[in-house]
């Protein structure tokens, strides 16, 4: 079964909003799943999706992970690490795979307000078959969680039976670009934070990339 078919099956089975009719480009995945390094986000931001959909006349799947400064940092980092070739903004040259644990877009504030360990475990249960389908169709050696919330969801999925390769995590690119690191005393976009983010992806490429 294709990933999109599995997503639609999940939407129907759990009476979720059918966002694919409104945003057909929002597949929740991008890149080449036959490469060993997979980056896994939490879920799309509904507000960001709506903003991009209004702004961009050419609505293709390449709008994903390609719309703001954090996305640009991610793509630049992948390219510098050899996990993407050519123009960082183009939908070509992928030597990695990007996906989301939860495919459904949601307003960030609404999601955070209702988020509990129980609700996250339920989301993990609902979306586990989709991610398992992706894994079974590809060749990942590592799932790199983008941020702590994605990492929690992946761990919950593994506890529920997800057959997964190694799991690790990196900072979220939006956190690096838009929120301060109070522990380190560094603000958004601090050169040291950007350098650390890029170095973490480079190390993953060295360890798991082809």
N, C-alpha and C. Protein backbone atom coordinates (compact mmCIF):
# COMPACT_ATOMS: atom_id res chain seq x y z
N UNK A 1 0.84 -1.19 0.00
CA UNK A 1 0.00 0.00 0.00
C UNK A 1 0.88 1.25 0.00
N UNK A 2 0.52 2.25 -0.82
CA UNK A 2 1.31 3.48 -0.87
C UNK A 2 1.15 4.24 0.45
N UNK A 3 2.09 5.13 0.70
CA UNK A 3 2.04 5.92 1.93
C UNK A 3 0.78 6.79 1.97
N UNK A 4 0.47 7.43 0.84
CA UNK A 4 -0.72 8.28 0.81
C UNK A 4 -1.98 7.46 1.07
N UNK A 5 -2.06 6.28 0.50
CA UNK A 5 -3.22 5.41 0.76
C UNK A 5 -3.30 5.04 2.23
N UNK A 6 -2.16 4.76 2.83
CA UNK A 6 -2.14 4.43 4.26
C UNK A 6 -2.56 5.63 5.10
N UNK A 7 -2.13 6.83 4.70
CA UNK A 7 -2.54 8.04 5.43
C UNK A 7 -4.05 8.22 5.33
N UNK A 8 -4.59 8.09 4.13
CA UNK A 8 -6.05 8.26 3.96
C UNK A 8 -6.81 7.19 4.74
N UNK A 9 -6.30 6.00 4.79
CA UNK A 9 -6.91 4.93 5.57
C UNK A 9 -6.94 5.30 7.06
N UNK A 10 -5.84 5.88 7.55
CA UNK A 10 -5.76 6.31 8.95
C UNK A 10 -6.73 7.45 9.23
N UNK A 11 -6.82 8.40 8.31
CA UNK A 11 -7.76 9.51 8.46
C UNK A 11 -9.18 8.99 8.59
N UNK A 12 -9.57 8.07 7.70
CA UNK A 12 -10.92 7.52 7.72
C UNK A 12 -11.19 6.69 8.98
N UNK A 13 -10.22 5.87 9.36
CA UNK A 13 -10.41 4.97 10.50
C UNK A 13 -10.58 5.72 11.81
N UNK A 14 -9.98 6.92 11.91
CA UNK A 14 -10.00 7.65 13.17
C UNK A 14 -10.77 8.97 13.06
N UNK A 15 -11.52 9.13 11.97
CA UNK A 15 -12.37 10.30 11.77
C UNK A 15 -11.59 11.60 11.94
N UNK A 16 -10.43 11.66 11.31
CA UNK A 16 -9.58 12.85 11.37
C UNK A 16 -9.96 13.82 10.25
N UNK A 17 -9.66 15.10 10.41
CA UNK A 17 -9.91 16.05 9.32
C UNK A 17 -9.15 15.65 8.06
N UNK A 18 -9.81 15.71 6.91
CA UNK A 18 -9.20 15.29 5.65
C UNK A 18 -8.46 16.46 5.02
N UNK A 19 -7.26 16.74 5.55
CA UNK A 19 -6.50 17.89 5.06
C UNK A 19 -5.92 17.67 3.68
N UNK A 20 -5.78 16.43 3.23
CA UNK A 20 -5.18 16.18 1.92
C UNK A 20 -6.07 16.69 0.78
N UNK A 21 -7.36 16.80 1.01
CA UNK A 21 -8.23 17.38 0.00
C UNK A 21 -8.00 18.88 -0.11
N UNK A 22 -7.67 19.51 1.00
CA UNK A 22 -7.42 20.95 1.03
C UNK A 22 -5.99 21.28 0.64
N UNK A 23 -5.05 20.45 1.09
CA UNK A 23 -3.63 20.68 0.83
C UNK A 23 -3.01 19.40 0.25
N UNK A 24 -3.23 19.10 -1.02
CA UNK A 24 -2.71 17.85 -1.58
C UNK A 24 -1.20 17.74 -1.53
N UNK A 25 -0.52 18.87 -1.45
CA UNK A 25 0.95 18.86 -1.41
C UNK A 25 1.50 18.46 -0.05
N UNK A 26 0.64 18.46 0.99
CA UNK A 26 1.10 18.22 2.35
C UNK A 26 1.11 16.72 2.65
N UNK A 27 2.06 16.04 2.05
CA UNK A 27 2.14 14.59 2.20
C UNK A 27 2.73 14.17 3.54
N UNK A 28 3.55 15.04 4.14
CA UNK A 28 4.20 14.68 5.40
C UNK A 28 5.49 13.92 5.22
N UNK A 29 5.98 13.83 4.00
CA UNK A 29 7.27 13.19 3.75
C UNK A 29 7.89 13.77 2.48
N UNK A 30 9.20 13.64 2.38
CA UNK A 30 9.94 14.21 1.25
C UNK A 30 11.32 13.55 1.22
N UNK A 31 11.89 13.44 0.04
CA UNK A 31 13.23 12.89 -0.06
C UNK A 31 13.22 11.46 -0.57
N UNK A 32 14.28 10.73 -0.30
CA UNK A 32 14.46 9.37 -0.82
C UNK A 32 14.56 8.38 0.33
N UNK A 33 13.51 7.55 0.53
CA UNK A 33 13.52 6.62 1.67
C UNK A 33 14.49 5.46 1.51
N UNK A 34 15.13 5.34 0.35
CA UNK A 34 16.10 4.25 0.16
C UNK A 34 17.47 4.60 0.72
N UNK A 35 17.64 5.85 1.15
CA UNK A 35 18.89 6.24 1.81
C UNK A 35 18.77 5.98 3.32
N UNK A 36 19.90 5.79 4.02
CA UNK A 36 19.85 5.28 5.39
C UNK A 36 19.51 6.29 6.47
N UNK A 37 19.64 7.59 6.21
CA UNK A 37 19.40 8.59 7.25
C UNK A 37 18.01 9.20 7.07
N UNK A 38 17.17 9.05 8.08
CA UNK A 38 15.83 9.60 8.06
C UNK A 38 15.69 10.64 9.18
N UNK A 39 15.16 11.80 8.84
CA UNK A 39 14.86 12.83 9.83
C UNK A 39 13.36 12.87 10.07
N UNK A 40 12.97 12.85 11.34
CA UNK A 40 11.56 12.67 11.68
C UNK A 40 11.10 13.84 12.55
N UNK A 41 10.16 14.63 12.02
CA UNK A 41 9.57 15.72 12.78
C UNK A 41 8.33 15.28 13.52
N UNK A 42 7.76 16.21 14.28
CA UNK A 42 6.57 15.90 15.06
C UNK A 42 5.32 15.94 14.19
N UNK A 43 4.95 17.11 13.71
CA UNK A 43 3.78 17.27 12.83
C UNK A 43 3.84 18.64 12.19
N UNK A 44 3.10 18.87 11.10
CA UNK A 44 3.10 20.19 10.46
C UNK A 44 2.30 21.21 11.27
N UNK A 45 2.70 22.46 11.18
CA UNK A 45 1.96 23.56 11.78
C UNK A 45 0.86 23.99 10.83
N UNK A 46 -0.37 23.94 11.29
CA UNK A 46 -1.51 24.31 10.44
C UNK A 46 -1.41 25.77 10.00
N UNK A 47 -1.04 26.65 10.89
CA UNK A 47 -0.95 28.07 10.54
C UNK A 47 0.10 28.29 9.46
N UNK A 48 1.24 27.63 9.59
CA UNK A 48 2.29 27.76 8.59
C UNK A 48 1.84 27.18 7.25
N UNK A 49 1.15 26.06 7.29
CA UNK A 49 0.66 25.43 6.06
C UNK A 49 -0.30 26.36 5.33
N UNK A 50 -1.24 26.96 6.06
CA UNK A 50 -2.20 27.87 5.45
C UNK A 50 -1.50 29.09 4.86
N UNK A 51 -0.53 29.60 5.58
CA UNK A 51 0.20 30.78 5.10
C UNK A 51 0.95 30.46 3.80
N UNK A 52 1.61 29.34 3.77
CA UNK A 52 2.36 28.94 2.58
C UNK A 52 1.41 28.67 1.41
N UNK A 53 0.30 28.01 1.69
CA UNK A 53 -0.65 27.67 0.64
C UNK A 53 -1.22 28.93 -0.02
N UNK A 54 -1.46 29.96 0.78
CA UNK A 54 -1.95 31.23 0.22
C UNK A 54 -0.88 31.94 -0.59
N UNK A 55 0.36 31.83 -0.16
CA UNK A 55 1.45 32.62 -0.73
C UNK A 55 2.01 32.03 -2.01
N UNK A 56 2.09 30.71 -2.09
CA UNK A 56 2.81 30.06 -3.18
C UNK A 56 1.87 29.63 -4.30
N UNK A 57 2.09 30.11 -5.52
CA UNK A 57 1.22 29.71 -6.63
C UNK A 57 1.46 28.27 -7.08
N UNK A 58 2.71 27.81 -7.04
CA UNK A 58 3.04 26.45 -7.45
C UNK A 58 3.03 25.55 -6.22
N UNK A 59 1.96 24.80 -6.07
CA UNK A 59 1.77 24.00 -4.86
C UNK A 59 2.24 22.57 -5.11
N UNK A 60 3.51 22.33 -4.76
CA UNK A 60 4.09 21.00 -4.90
C UNK A 60 4.56 20.52 -3.53
N UNK A 61 4.87 19.25 -3.44
CA UNK A 61 5.33 18.68 -2.17
C UNK A 61 6.62 19.33 -1.68
N UNK A 62 7.34 19.98 -2.59
CA UNK A 62 8.60 20.62 -2.20
C UNK A 62 8.40 21.86 -1.33
N UNK A 63 7.16 22.30 -1.14
CA UNK A 63 6.90 23.37 -0.18
C UNK A 63 7.19 22.91 1.24
N UNK A 64 7.19 21.61 1.46
CA UNK A 64 7.43 21.08 2.79
C UNK A 64 8.91 21.24 3.17
N UNK A 65 9.13 21.61 4.44
CA UNK A 65 10.49 21.85 4.93
C UNK A 65 11.23 22.84 4.02
N UNK A 66 10.51 23.88 3.57
CA UNK A 66 11.10 24.77 2.58
C UNK A 66 10.49 26.17 2.63
N UNK A 67 10.01 26.59 3.81
CA UNK A 67 9.19 27.79 3.84
C UNK A 67 9.67 28.90 4.76
N UNK A 68 10.53 28.61 5.70
CA UNK A 68 10.98 29.66 6.61
C UNK A 68 12.46 29.46 6.93
N UNK A 69 12.99 30.33 7.77
CA UNK A 69 14.43 30.31 8.05
C UNK A 69 14.90 29.00 8.66
N UNK A 70 14.06 28.40 9.51
CA UNK A 70 14.43 27.12 10.10
C UNK A 70 14.55 26.03 9.04
N UNK A 71 13.60 26.00 8.11
CA UNK A 71 13.68 25.05 7.01
C UNK A 71 14.95 25.26 6.20
N UNK A 72 15.27 26.52 5.97
CA UNK A 72 16.48 26.84 5.20
C UNK A 72 17.73 26.33 5.91
N UNK A 73 17.76 26.51 7.23
CA UNK A 73 18.89 25.99 8.00
C UNK A 73 18.99 24.48 7.86
N UNK A 74 17.87 23.80 7.95
CA UNK A 74 17.87 22.34 7.81
C UNK A 74 18.41 21.93 6.45
N UNK A 75 17.90 22.53 5.39
CA UNK A 75 18.32 22.15 4.04
C UNK A 75 19.79 22.49 3.80
N UNK A 76 20.22 23.63 4.27
CA UNK A 76 21.64 23.98 4.13
C UNK A 76 22.52 22.97 4.86
N UNK A 77 22.09 22.59 6.06
CA UNK A 77 22.86 21.63 6.86
C UNK A 77 22.94 20.28 6.17
N UNK A 78 21.82 19.82 5.61
CA UNK A 78 21.80 18.55 4.89
C UNK A 78 22.75 18.59 3.69
N UNK A 79 22.72 19.71 2.98
CA UNK A 79 23.56 19.85 1.80
C UNK A 79 25.04 19.88 2.17
N UNK A 80 25.38 20.63 3.20
CA UNK A 80 26.77 20.70 3.64
C UNK A 80 27.28 19.36 4.15
N UNK A 81 26.37 18.54 4.68
CA UNK A 81 26.76 17.23 5.20
C UNK A 81 26.75 16.14 4.13
N UNK A 82 26.37 16.50 2.89
CA UNK A 82 26.33 15.52 1.82
C UNK A 82 25.08 14.67 1.80
N UNK A 83 24.06 15.06 2.59
CA UNK A 83 22.80 14.33 2.60
C UNK A 83 21.81 14.89 1.59
N UNK A 84 22.23 15.90 0.87
CA UNK A 84 21.50 16.46 -0.25
C UNK A 84 22.54 17.10 -1.17
N UNK A 85 22.30 17.06 -2.47
CA UNK A 85 23.22 17.67 -3.41
C UNK A 85 22.51 18.75 -4.21
N UNK A 86 23.29 19.65 -4.78
CA UNK A 86 22.71 20.70 -5.62
C UNK A 86 22.11 21.82 -4.81
N UNK A 87 21.08 22.44 -5.37
CA UNK A 87 20.39 23.56 -4.73
C UNK A 87 19.65 23.07 -3.49
N UNK A 88 19.96 23.62 -2.31
CA UNK A 88 19.27 23.14 -1.10
C UNK A 88 17.75 23.26 -1.17
N UNK A 89 17.23 24.25 -1.92
CA UNK A 89 15.79 24.47 -1.97
C UNK A 89 15.07 23.60 -2.99
N UNK A 90 15.82 22.93 -3.85
CA UNK A 90 15.20 22.12 -4.92
C UNK A 90 14.76 20.76 -4.40
N UNK A 91 13.77 20.21 -5.07
CA UNK A 91 13.31 18.87 -4.72
C UNK A 91 14.07 17.84 -5.56
N UNK A 92 15.38 17.83 -5.37
CA UNK A 92 16.25 16.91 -6.10
C UNK A 92 17.53 16.75 -5.28
N UNK A 93 18.29 15.75 -5.62
CA UNK A 93 19.56 15.52 -4.95
C UNK A 93 19.44 14.97 -3.54
N UNK A 94 18.29 14.40 -3.21
CA UNK A 94 18.10 13.87 -1.85
C UNK A 94 18.95 12.64 -1.62
N UNK A 95 19.69 12.65 -0.53
CA UNK A 95 20.42 11.47 -0.06
C UNK A 95 20.02 11.16 1.39
N UNK A 96 18.76 11.53 1.68
CA UNK A 96 18.16 11.26 2.99
C UNK A 96 16.65 11.35 2.81
N UNK A 97 15.93 11.19 3.89
CA UNK A 97 14.47 11.19 3.85
C UNK A 97 13.95 12.02 5.01
N UNK A 98 12.93 12.83 4.75
CA UNK A 98 12.27 13.62 5.79
C UNK A 98 10.84 13.12 5.94
N UNK A 99 10.38 12.98 7.17
CA UNK A 99 9.00 12.58 7.39
C UNK A 99 8.52 13.13 8.73
N UNK A 100 7.23 13.01 8.99
CA UNK A 100 6.65 13.41 10.27
C UNK A 100 6.04 12.20 10.96
N UNK A 101 6.15 12.15 12.28
CA UNK A 101 5.50 11.08 13.03
C UNK A 101 3.99 11.19 12.86
N UNK A 102 3.47 12.39 13.09
CA UNK A 102 2.04 12.68 12.94
C UNK A 102 1.89 13.48 11.65
N UNK A 103 1.12 12.99 10.71
CA UNK A 103 0.99 13.66 9.42
C UNK A 103 0.01 14.83 9.45
N UNK A 104 -0.93 14.81 10.38
CA UNK A 104 -2.00 15.81 10.40
C UNK A 104 -1.49 17.17 10.85
N UNK A 105 -1.81 18.24 10.11
CA UNK A 105 -1.43 19.59 10.55
C UNK A 105 -2.33 20.04 11.69
N UNK A 106 -1.77 20.86 12.57
CA UNK A 106 -2.53 21.35 13.72
C UNK A 106 -1.96 22.68 14.17
N UNK A 107 -2.81 23.55 14.67
CA UNK A 107 -2.36 24.81 15.26
C UNK A 107 -1.48 24.50 16.46
N UNK A 108 -0.29 25.06 16.48
CA UNK A 108 0.69 24.70 17.51
C UNK A 108 0.16 24.97 18.92
N UNK A 109 -0.44 26.14 19.12
CA UNK A 109 -0.95 26.48 20.44
C UNK A 109 -2.03 25.52 20.90
N UNK A 110 -2.93 25.15 20.00
CA UNK A 110 -4.00 24.20 20.35
C UNK A 110 -3.42 22.84 20.69
N UNK A 111 -2.44 22.44 19.91
CA UNK A 111 -1.81 21.13 20.15
C UNK A 111 -1.11 21.11 21.50
N UNK A 112 -0.34 22.15 21.79
CA UNK A 112 0.38 22.20 23.06
C UNK A 112 -0.56 22.24 24.25
N UNK A 113 -1.71 22.89 24.09
CA UNK A 113 -2.66 23.02 25.19
C UNK A 113 -3.28 21.68 25.59
N UNK A 114 -3.43 20.80 24.64
CA UNK A 114 -4.06 19.50 24.94
C UNK A 114 -3.05 18.36 25.09
N UNK A 115 -1.78 18.67 24.89
CA UNK A 115 -0.77 17.61 24.85
C UNK A 115 -0.48 17.07 26.25
N UNK A 116 -0.62 15.79 26.40
CA UNK A 116 -0.24 15.07 27.62
C UNK A 116 0.47 13.79 27.19
N UNK A 117 1.03 13.09 28.16
CA UNK A 117 1.65 11.80 27.83
C UNK A 117 0.61 10.85 27.24
N UNK A 118 -0.61 10.89 27.80
CA UNK A 118 -1.66 10.00 27.31
C UNK A 118 -2.06 10.34 25.87
N UNK A 119 -2.20 11.63 25.58
CA UNK A 119 -2.60 12.02 24.22
C UNK A 119 -1.49 11.70 23.22
N UNK A 120 -0.25 11.85 23.64
CA UNK A 120 0.85 11.53 22.73
C UNK A 120 0.94 10.02 22.49
N UNK A 121 0.68 9.23 23.51
CA UNK A 121 0.67 7.78 23.32
C UNK A 121 -0.45 7.36 22.37
N UNK A 122 -1.60 8.04 22.46
CA UNK A 122 -2.70 7.72 21.55
C UNK A 122 -2.34 8.10 20.12
N UNK A 123 -1.71 9.25 19.94
CA UNK A 123 -1.24 9.62 18.60
C UNK A 123 -0.22 8.61 18.07
N UNK A 124 0.66 8.17 18.94
CA UNK A 124 1.64 7.16 18.53
C UNK A 124 0.94 5.89 18.06
N UNK A 125 -0.10 5.49 18.76
CA UNK A 125 -0.85 4.30 18.38
C UNK A 125 -1.52 4.49 17.02
N UNK A 126 -2.12 5.66 16.81
CA UNK A 126 -2.85 5.93 15.57
C UNK A 126 -1.92 5.94 14.36
N UNK A 127 -0.77 6.59 14.51
CA UNK A 127 0.10 6.82 13.36
C UNK A 127 1.20 5.79 13.19
N UNK A 128 1.33 4.87 14.13
CA UNK A 128 2.35 3.83 14.05
C UNK A 128 2.28 3.05 12.73
N UNK A 129 1.10 2.60 12.27
CA UNK A 129 1.08 1.82 11.02
C UNK A 129 1.60 2.57 9.81
N UNK A 130 1.40 3.90 9.79
CA UNK A 130 1.88 4.69 8.66
C UNK A 130 3.41 4.72 8.65
N UNK A 131 4.00 5.02 9.81
CA UNK A 131 5.45 5.06 9.88
C UNK A 131 6.05 3.68 9.64
N UNK A 132 5.39 2.65 10.15
CA UNK A 132 5.90 1.29 9.91
C UNK A 132 5.88 0.97 8.42
N UNK A 133 4.83 1.41 7.73
CA UNK A 133 4.75 1.22 6.29
C UNK A 133 5.91 1.92 5.57
N UNK A 134 6.22 3.13 6.03
CA UNK A 134 7.35 3.87 5.45
C UNK A 134 8.66 3.12 5.68
N UNK A 135 8.87 2.68 6.92
CA UNK A 135 10.11 1.97 7.26
C UNK A 135 10.25 0.69 6.44
N UNK A 136 9.15 -0.05 6.33
CA UNK A 136 9.19 -1.33 5.61
C UNK A 136 9.42 -1.13 4.12
N UNK A 137 9.06 0.05 3.61
CA UNK A 137 9.23 0.34 2.19
C UNK A 137 10.58 0.96 1.88
N UNK A 138 11.32 1.37 2.91
CA UNK A 138 12.60 2.02 2.73
C UNK A 138 13.74 1.23 3.34
N UNK A 139 14.87 1.93 3.52
CA UNK A 139 16.05 1.27 4.06
C UNK A 139 16.74 2.13 5.12
N UNK A 140 16.01 2.56 6.13
CA UNK A 140 16.65 3.42 7.14
C UNK A 140 17.58 2.65 8.06
N UNK A 141 18.69 3.28 8.40
CA UNK A 141 19.57 2.76 9.45
C UNK A 141 19.38 3.54 10.75
N UNK A 142 18.86 4.76 10.64
CA UNK A 142 18.65 5.58 11.83
C UNK A 142 17.47 6.51 11.60
N UNK A 143 16.68 6.70 12.65
CA UNK A 143 15.62 7.71 12.68
C UNK A 143 16.13 8.85 13.55
N UNK A 144 16.29 10.02 12.96
CA UNK A 144 16.80 11.18 13.69
C UNK A 144 15.61 12.06 14.07
N UNK A 145 15.23 12.02 15.32
CA UNK A 145 14.11 12.84 15.79
C UNK A 145 14.51 14.31 15.79
N UNK A 146 13.67 15.14 15.18
CA UNK A 146 13.90 16.58 15.16
C UNK A 146 13.18 17.17 16.36
N UNK A 147 13.92 17.35 17.46
CA UNK A 147 13.34 17.90 18.68
C UNK A 147 12.84 16.84 19.64
N UNK A 148 12.59 17.27 20.87
CA UNK A 148 12.22 16.36 21.94
C UNK A 148 10.86 15.73 21.80
N UNK A 149 9.89 16.45 21.23
CA UNK A 149 8.54 15.90 21.13
C UNK A 149 8.48 14.77 20.10
N UNK A 150 9.16 14.96 19.00
CA UNK A 150 9.25 13.88 18.02
C UNK A 150 9.94 12.65 18.63
N UNK A 151 10.98 12.91 19.40
CA UNK A 151 11.69 11.80 20.04
C UNK A 151 10.78 11.02 20.98
N UNK A 152 9.97 11.73 21.78
CA UNK A 152 9.03 11.05 22.68
C UNK A 152 8.05 10.18 21.90
N UNK A 153 7.51 10.73 20.81
CA UNK A 153 6.55 9.96 20.00
C UNK A 153 7.19 8.70 19.43
N UNK A 154 8.42 8.82 18.96
CA UNK A 154 9.10 7.64 18.42
C UNK A 154 9.34 6.58 19.51
N UNK A 155 9.70 7.02 20.69
CA UNK A 155 9.90 6.06 21.78
C UNK A 155 8.59 5.39 22.15
N UNK A 156 7.49 6.15 22.21
CA UNK A 156 6.18 5.56 22.47
C UNK A 156 5.83 4.53 21.39
N UNK A 157 6.09 4.88 20.13
CA UNK A 157 5.80 3.94 19.04
C UNK A 157 6.61 2.66 19.19
N UNK A 158 7.87 2.81 19.54
CA UNK A 158 8.70 1.62 19.72
C UNK A 158 8.16 0.75 20.86
N UNK A 159 7.70 1.38 21.93
CA UNK A 159 7.11 0.62 23.04
C UNK A 159 5.84 -0.11 22.61
N UNK A 160 5.13 0.48 21.62
CA UNK A 160 3.89 -0.12 21.12
C UNK A 160 4.14 -1.15 20.02
N UNK A 161 5.40 -1.35 19.65
CA UNK A 161 5.72 -2.41 18.70
C UNK A 161 6.31 -1.97 17.39
N UNK A 162 6.59 -0.68 17.22
CA UNK A 162 7.23 -0.23 15.98
C UNK A 162 8.57 -0.92 15.81
N UNK A 163 8.75 -1.54 14.67
CA UNK A 163 10.04 -2.17 14.35
C UNK A 163 10.91 -1.11 13.71
N UNK A 164 11.87 -0.64 14.47
CA UNK A 164 12.62 0.53 14.07
C UNK A 164 14.12 0.28 14.14
N UNK A 165 14.88 0.99 13.30
CA UNK A 165 16.33 0.98 13.48
C UNK A 165 16.72 1.86 14.65
N UNK A 166 17.96 2.26 14.73
CA UNK A 166 18.42 3.14 15.80
C UNK A 166 17.62 4.45 15.81
N UNK A 167 17.44 5.01 17.00
CA UNK A 167 16.77 6.30 17.15
C UNK A 167 17.73 7.25 17.87
N UNK A 168 17.90 8.43 17.31
CA UNK A 168 18.67 9.47 17.97
C UNK A 168 17.91 10.78 17.81
N UNK A 169 18.47 11.88 18.27
CA UNK A 169 17.75 13.15 18.15
C UNK A 169 18.72 14.31 17.96
N UNK A 170 18.18 15.38 17.40
CA UNK A 170 18.90 16.65 17.27
C UNK A 170 17.98 17.76 17.75
N UNK A 171 18.53 18.95 17.95
CA UNK A 171 17.69 20.09 18.26
C UNK A 171 16.76 20.39 17.10
N UNK A 172 15.64 21.02 17.42
CA UNK A 172 14.72 21.42 16.35
C UNK A 172 15.26 22.69 15.70
N UNK A 173 15.25 22.71 14.39
CA UNK A 173 15.76 23.88 13.66
C UNK A 173 14.98 25.15 13.99
N UNK A 174 13.67 25.04 14.26
CA UNK A 174 12.89 26.22 14.65
C UNK A 174 13.32 26.73 16.02
N UNK A 175 13.68 25.82 16.91
CA UNK A 175 14.19 26.21 18.22
C UNK A 175 15.49 26.98 18.07
N UNK A 176 16.35 26.52 17.20
CA UNK A 176 17.64 27.19 16.98
C UNK A 176 17.43 28.59 16.42
N UNK A 177 16.49 28.73 15.51
CA UNK A 177 16.34 29.98 14.78
C UNK A 177 15.37 30.97 15.43
N UNK A 178 14.49 30.51 16.30
CA UNK A 178 13.45 31.42 16.80
C UNK A 178 13.31 31.48 18.32
N UNK A 179 14.00 30.61 19.06
CA UNK A 179 13.85 30.61 20.52
C UNK A 179 15.21 30.64 21.20
N UNK A 180 15.31 31.31 22.33
CA UNK A 180 16.61 31.36 23.02
C UNK A 180 16.95 30.05 23.72
N UNK A 181 18.22 29.79 23.85
CA UNK A 181 18.71 28.69 24.67
C UNK A 181 19.11 29.31 26.01
N UNK A 182 18.20 29.29 26.95
CA UNK A 182 18.43 29.97 28.23
C UNK A 182 19.53 29.30 29.04
N UNK A 183 19.64 28.00 28.92
CA UNK A 183 20.67 27.29 29.68
C UNK A 183 22.07 27.73 29.23
N UNK A 184 22.24 27.89 27.92
CA UNK A 184 23.54 28.30 27.39
C UNK A 184 23.70 29.81 27.34
N UNK A 185 22.59 30.52 27.57
CA UNK A 185 22.65 31.97 27.51
C UNK A 185 22.84 32.51 26.10
N UNK A 186 22.27 31.80 25.12
CA UNK A 186 22.41 32.20 23.73
C UNK A 186 21.04 32.47 23.13
N UNK A 187 20.95 33.50 22.31
CA UNK A 187 19.69 33.86 21.69
C UNK A 187 19.43 33.10 20.41
N UNK A 188 18.25 33.35 19.81
CA UNK A 188 17.95 32.75 18.51
C UNK A 188 19.00 33.14 17.48
N UNK A 189 19.30 32.24 16.59
CA UNK A 189 20.22 32.46 15.47
C UNK A 189 21.67 32.69 15.91
N UNK A 190 21.98 32.42 17.15
CA UNK A 190 23.36 32.60 17.60
C UNK A 190 24.28 31.73 16.75
N UNK A 191 25.39 32.29 16.26
CA UNK A 191 26.29 31.51 15.40
C UNK A 191 26.73 30.19 16.02
N UNK A 192 26.95 30.18 17.33
CA UNK A 192 27.39 28.94 17.98
C UNK A 192 26.31 27.87 17.92
N UNK A 193 25.06 28.29 18.02
CA UNK A 193 23.95 27.32 17.97
C UNK A 193 23.78 26.79 16.55
N UNK A 194 23.90 27.66 15.57
CA UNK A 194 23.79 27.23 14.18
C UNK A 194 24.93 26.26 13.85
N UNK A 195 26.14 26.59 14.31
CA UNK A 195 27.29 25.72 14.07
C UNK A 195 27.09 24.36 14.73
N UNK A 196 26.56 24.34 15.94
CA UNK A 196 26.32 23.08 16.64
C UNK A 196 25.27 22.25 15.90
N UNK A 197 24.21 22.90 15.42
CA UNK A 197 23.17 22.19 14.68
C UNK A 197 23.76 21.54 13.43
N UNK A 198 24.54 22.31 12.69
CA UNK A 198 25.15 21.78 11.47
C UNK A 198 26.13 20.64 11.79
N UNK A 199 26.87 20.79 12.88
CA UNK A 199 27.82 19.75 13.26
C UNK A 199 27.11 18.46 13.65
N UNK A 200 25.96 18.58 14.29
CA UNK A 200 25.22 17.38 14.70
C UNK A 200 24.74 16.59 13.48
N UNK A 201 24.32 17.30 12.43
CA UNK A 201 23.89 16.62 11.21
C UNK A 201 25.09 16.03 10.48
N UNK A 202 26.19 16.74 10.48
CA UNK A 202 27.40 16.21 9.86
C UNK A 202 27.86 14.93 10.53
N UNK A 203 27.78 14.88 11.85
CA UNK A 203 28.18 13.67 12.58
C UNK A 203 27.26 12.50 12.25
N UNK A 204 25.96 12.76 12.11
CA UNK A 204 25.03 11.70 11.73
C UNK A 204 25.34 11.20 10.34
N UNK A 205 25.65 12.12 9.42
CA UNK A 205 26.00 11.72 8.06
C UNK A 205 27.25 10.86 8.05
N UNK A 206 28.24 11.23 8.85
CA UNK A 206 29.48 10.45 8.92
C UNK A 206 29.25 9.06 9.49
N UNK A 207 28.35 8.98 10.44
CA UNK A 207 28.14 7.71 11.12
C UNK A 207 27.21 6.76 10.35
N UNK A 208 26.18 7.32 9.72
CA UNK A 208 25.17 6.47 9.10
C UNK A 208 25.03 6.64 7.59
N UNK A 209 25.53 7.73 7.05
CA UNK A 209 25.34 7.99 5.62
C UNK A 209 26.19 7.10 4.75
N UNK A 210 25.82 7.06 3.49
CA UNK A 210 26.55 6.22 2.54
C UNK A 210 27.64 7.04 1.83
